Amino acid sequence: MDIMAWMDIALQKAEESLKAGEVPVGCLFIYNNEIIATGNNTVNETFNATRHAEINCIDQVLKFCKEKRVDYEIVFRNLDVIVTVEPCIMCMSALLQLQIRSIVYGCANDRFGGCVSVLEVSKFYDSKIVIQGNIKGEEAMKLLQDFYKGVNPNAPESKIKKGRKIKETLLTDDK
């Protein structure tokens, strides 16, 4: 299968996230040209801010390795990650620590991106990872835009009070 076909599957996972009220990120972990983990964000469902698509996939790979009695270090070193949005700094760090082989992502993550957008996390590691971005990025970005047009029921309330008047202070020189 080619990268575009893998990304189409990841985009379907992202659409499932959008329908479930989660940030629409879809992720695949591919080992020996086979999907061994699929994930999407479950932050709102679990009330756990660390449950990103990539972290959920890591858990699935560990379970896969245990069931198949395969060394997880070998699997991760030969793993390709396909994800619709550039991994955040947290997820990028986790993926680099596991020494995965490559990451292909859709759109940039201008707020939290750990590949290049905010912080190039790979510079902190002795990593030979191959990273490729902007694969079907427009489709991935549209899903994010659709999510942010709606209301996230678990987002914290704004601290800005509506209709509040700002006090004005007059400074005088009383010398």
Foldseek 3Di string as FASTA:
>chain_A
DDLLVVLVVQQVQLVVCLVVLHQRKKKFKAAPNHTQFIFAACCVVVVNPPRHRLVRRLVSLVVVCVVVVHDQLVRQLRIEMEMAEADFQVSVVVSVVSQHAEYEYAAYDCPGHQCPNPHNNCVVDPHPYYYHYNNNNVSSVVSNVVSVVDDRPPDDDDPDDPPDDDDDDDDDDDD
